[in-house]
Amino acid sequence: MKNIKIIFFSFFLVFLSSQSKSEIKVAFIDMNILISQSSAGKSLIEELNKIDTKNKKKFKEIKDALNKEKNDINLKKNILSNEEYEKNIIKLNDKFKSFQADIKKSAQTLQTKRNSGMQKILEEINLLLTEYSKKNQLTFIIDQKNIIIGKSDLNITDEILKSLK
């Protein structure tokens, strides 16, 4: 019985000492800040805003021209024959449909540019985060929007932002 107690006690000590004391290291970042304040993110946002402004101006001019044409047709309603009036209305409706299709196509093109640009930025950020994680032996890097409460010294956004610029 005494031997069993000694063996059990020895086994218990060996088991406790051999157990690895691994530490989970966690950090968090604010992805919105990384994207909006990095040089690549600023450049993408600026380019998209220029394209959007240009498109809005172009489409406003077209819409104004179409509205003017609509008013002209309405003013000539009593002068034109019914057939001529109907032809003009059909042409105008076709122009409006084309205008709406152009707006939709433009919005899709802008969204595609945004998505591809964001994908490139996120790939670059992912590489930096992977490198940073290996260098600092981090177990997790979590986006700040998924954290309710955390120590501010665990926020590595500024360090990663410096690497991005």
Protein backbone atom coordinates (compact mmCIF):
# COMPACT_ATOMS: atom_id res chain seq x y z
CA MET A 1 0.00 0.00 0.00
CA LYS A 2 2.84 2.33 0.82
CA ASN A 3 4.41 1.59 -2.57
CA ILE A 4 1.18 2.41 -4.33
CA LYS A 5 1.00 5.76 -2.58
CA ILE A 6 4.61 6.53 -3.54
CA ILE A 7 4.01 5.51 -7.16
CA PHE A 8 0.79 7.52 -7.31
CA PHE A 9 2.48 10.58 -5.76
CA SER A 10 5.47 10.28 -8.13
CA PHE A 11 3.19 9.89 -11.12
CA PHE A 12 1.21 12.95 -10.03
CA LEU A 13 4.37 15.08 -9.68
CA VAL A 14 5.73 13.95 -13.04
CA PHE A 15 2.40 14.60 -14.73
CA LEU A 16 2.12 18.14 -13.31
CA SER A 17 5.69 19.08 -14.14
CA SER A 18 5.52 17.74 -17.69
CA GLN A 19 2.35 19.61 -18.52
CA SER A 20 3.17 22.57 -20.76
CA LYS A 21 2.14 25.93 -19.51
CA SER A 22 0.99 27.41 -22.79
CA GLU A 23 -0.18 30.98 -22.81
CA ILE A 24 -2.79 32.31 -25.17
CA LYS A 25 -1.78 35.69 -26.53
CA VAL A 26 -4.50 37.81 -28.05
CA ALA A 27 -4.44 41.18 -29.76
CA PHE A 28 -7.09 43.17 -31.56
CA ILE A 29 -7.19 45.66 -34.42
CA ASP A 30 -9.66 48.09 -35.91
CA MET A 31 -9.94 47.02 -39.55
CA ASN A 32 -11.95 50.13 -40.47
CA ILE A 33 -9.09 52.37 -39.34
CA LEU A 34 -6.52 50.22 -41.14
CA ILE A 35 -8.45 50.45 -44.38
CA SER A 36 -9.44 54.10 -44.19
CA GLN A 37 -6.11 55.47 -42.96
CA SER A 38 -3.65 53.35 -44.92
CA SER A 39 -2.21 54.93 -48.05
CA ALA A 40 -3.73 52.20 -50.24
CA GLY A 41 -7.12 52.63 -48.58
CA LYS A 42 -7.05 56.41 -48.88
CA SER A 43 -6.07 56.11 -52.54
CA LEU A 44 -8.89 53.66 -53.26
CA ILE A 45 -11.48 55.79 -51.48
CA GLU A 46 -10.30 58.92 -53.29
CA GLU A 47 -10.39 57.18 -56.69
CA LEU A 48 -13.88 55.77 -56.05
CA ASN A 49 -15.16 59.18 -54.92
CA LYS A 50 -13.80 60.84 -58.08
CA ILE A 51 -15.47 58.25 -60.29
CA ASP A 52 -18.73 58.55 -58.35
CA THR A 53 -18.72 62.36 -58.57
CA LYS A 54 -17.98 62.22 -62.29
CA ASN A 55 -20.80 59.72 -62.85
CA LYS A 56 -23.29 61.77 -60.82
CA LYS A 57 -22.47 64.89 -62.82
CA LYS A 58 -22.78 63.03 -66.13
CA PHE A 59 -26.08 61.40 -65.18
CA LYS A 60 -27.51 64.67 -63.85
CA GLU A 61 -26.80 66.32 -67.21
CA ILE A 62 -28.43 63.44 -69.08
CA LYS A 63 -31.45 63.47 -66.76
CA ASP A 64 -31.88 67.20 -67.22
CA ALA A 65 -31.70 66.79 -71.00
CA LEU A 66 -34.29 64.00 -70.89
CA ASN A 67 -36.61 66.07 -68.69
CA LYS A 68 -36.25 69.00 -71.09
CA GLU A 69 -37.10 66.72 -74.00
CA LYS A 70 -40.12 65.42 -72.08
CA ASN A 71 -41.34 68.96 -71.46
CA ASP A 72 -40.83 69.85 -75.14
CA ILE A 73 -42.89 66.85 -76.21
CA ASN A 74 -45.65 67.76 -73.74
CA LEU A 75 -45.70 71.34 -75.05
CA LYS A 76 -46.06 70.07 -78.63
CA LYS A 77 -48.77 67.58 -77.71
CA ASN A 78 -51.55 69.66 -79.21
CA ILE A 79 -49.53 70.52 -82.32
CA LEU A 80 -48.36 66.99 -83.20
CA SER A 81 -50.54 64.27 -84.59
CA ASN A 82 -51.33 61.36 -82.29
CA GLU A 83 -49.00 59.05 -84.22
CA GLU A 84 -46.11 61.52 -84.10
CA TYR A 85 -46.73 62.19 -80.41
CA GLU A 86 -46.76 58.44 -79.63
CA LYS A 87 -43.49 57.93 -81.58
CA ASN A 88 -41.83 60.71 -79.60
CA ILE A 89 -43.09 59.26 -76.30
CA ILE A 90 -41.81 55.78 -77.23
CA LYS A 91 -38.40 57.20 -78.17
CA LEU A 92 -38.26 59.15 -74.91
CA ASN A 93 -39.21 56.05 -72.89
CA ASP A 94 -36.45 54.09 -74.64
CA LYS A 95 -33.98 56.83 -73.75
CA PHE A 96 -35.13 56.72 -70.11
CA LYS A 97 -34.72 52.93 -70.03
CA SER A 98 -31.25 53.25 -71.54
CA PHE A 99 -30.43 55.96 -69.01
CA GLN A 100 -31.51 53.73 -66.12
CA ALA A 101 -29.50 50.81 -67.51
CA ASP A 102 -26.43 53.04 -67.77
CA ILE A 103 -26.85 54.11 -64.15
CA LYS A 104 -27.15 50.50 -63.02
CA LYS A 105 -24.13 49.43 -65.10
CA SER A 106 -22.10 52.33 -63.72
CA ALA A 107 -23.01 51.41 -60.14
CA GLN A 108 -22.05 47.78 -60.74
CA THR A 109 -18.72 48.82 -62.27
CA LEU A 110 -17.99 51.06 -59.30
CA GLN A 111 -18.90 48.25 -56.89
CA THR A 112 -16.64 45.83 -58.77
CA LYS A 113 -13.72 48.28 -58.57
CA ARG A 114 -14.38 48.78 -54.88
CA ASN A 115 -14.49 45.04 -54.20
CA SER A 116 -11.29 44.28 -56.13
CA GLY A 117 -9.46 47.18 -54.49
CA MET A 118 -10.62 46.13 -51.03
CA GLN A 119 -9.58 42.54 -51.75
CA LYS A 120 -6.04 43.69 -52.57
CA ILE A 121 -5.86 45.83 -49.43
CA LEU A 122 -7.17 43.00 -47.25
CA GLU A 123 -4.60 40.59 -48.73
CA GLU A 124 -1.82 43.05 -47.87
CA ILE A 125 -3.19 43.51 -44.34
CA ASN A 126 -3.50 39.74 -43.92
CA LEU A 127 0.17 39.26 -44.85
CA LEU A 128 1.23 41.92 -42.35
CA LEU A 129 -0.94 40.43 -39.62
CA THR A 130 0.43 36.94 -40.26
CA GLU A 131 3.99 38.23 -40.06
CA TYR A 132 3.22 40.27 -36.93
CA SER A 133 1.51 37.29 -35.30
CA LYS A 134 4.49 35.01 -35.91
CA LYS A 135 6.98 37.63 -34.76
CA ASN A 136 5.10 38.36 -31.52
CA GLN A 137 3.85 34.79 -30.97
CA LEU A 138 0.19 35.79 -30.96
CA THR A 139 -2.48 33.11 -30.85
CA PHE A 140 -5.31 35.33 -32.08
CA ILE A 141 -5.77 38.70 -33.74
CA ILE A 142 -9.40 39.77 -33.53
CA ASP A 143 -11.25 42.63 -35.21
CA GLN A 144 -12.18 45.28 -32.66
CA LYS A 145 -15.83 45.38 -33.72
CA ASN A 146 -16.21 41.85 -32.30
CA ILE A 147 -14.91 42.84 -28.86
CA ILE A 148 -17.06 44.27 -26.12
CA ILE A 149 -14.35 45.03 -23.54
CA GLY A 150 -10.58 44.68 -23.80
CA LYS A 151 -7.37 46.15 -22.50
CA SER A 152 -6.25 49.06 -24.61
CA ASP A 153 -2.67 47.77 -24.62
CA LEU A 154 -3.87 44.76 -26.64
CA ASN A 155 -4.88 47.07 -29.52
CA ILE A 156 -2.19 46.80 -32.22
CA THR A 157 -3.93 48.95 -34.83
CA ASP A 158 -1.35 51.75 -34.70
CA GLU A 159 1.58 49.33 -35.04
CA ILE A 160 0.05 47.64 -38.08
CA LEU A 161 -0.92 51.01 -39.58
CA LYS A 162 2.71 52.16 -39.38
CA SER A 163 3.74 49.02 -41.28
CA LEU A 164 1.09 49.64 -43.93
CA LYS A 165 2.18 53.18 -44.80
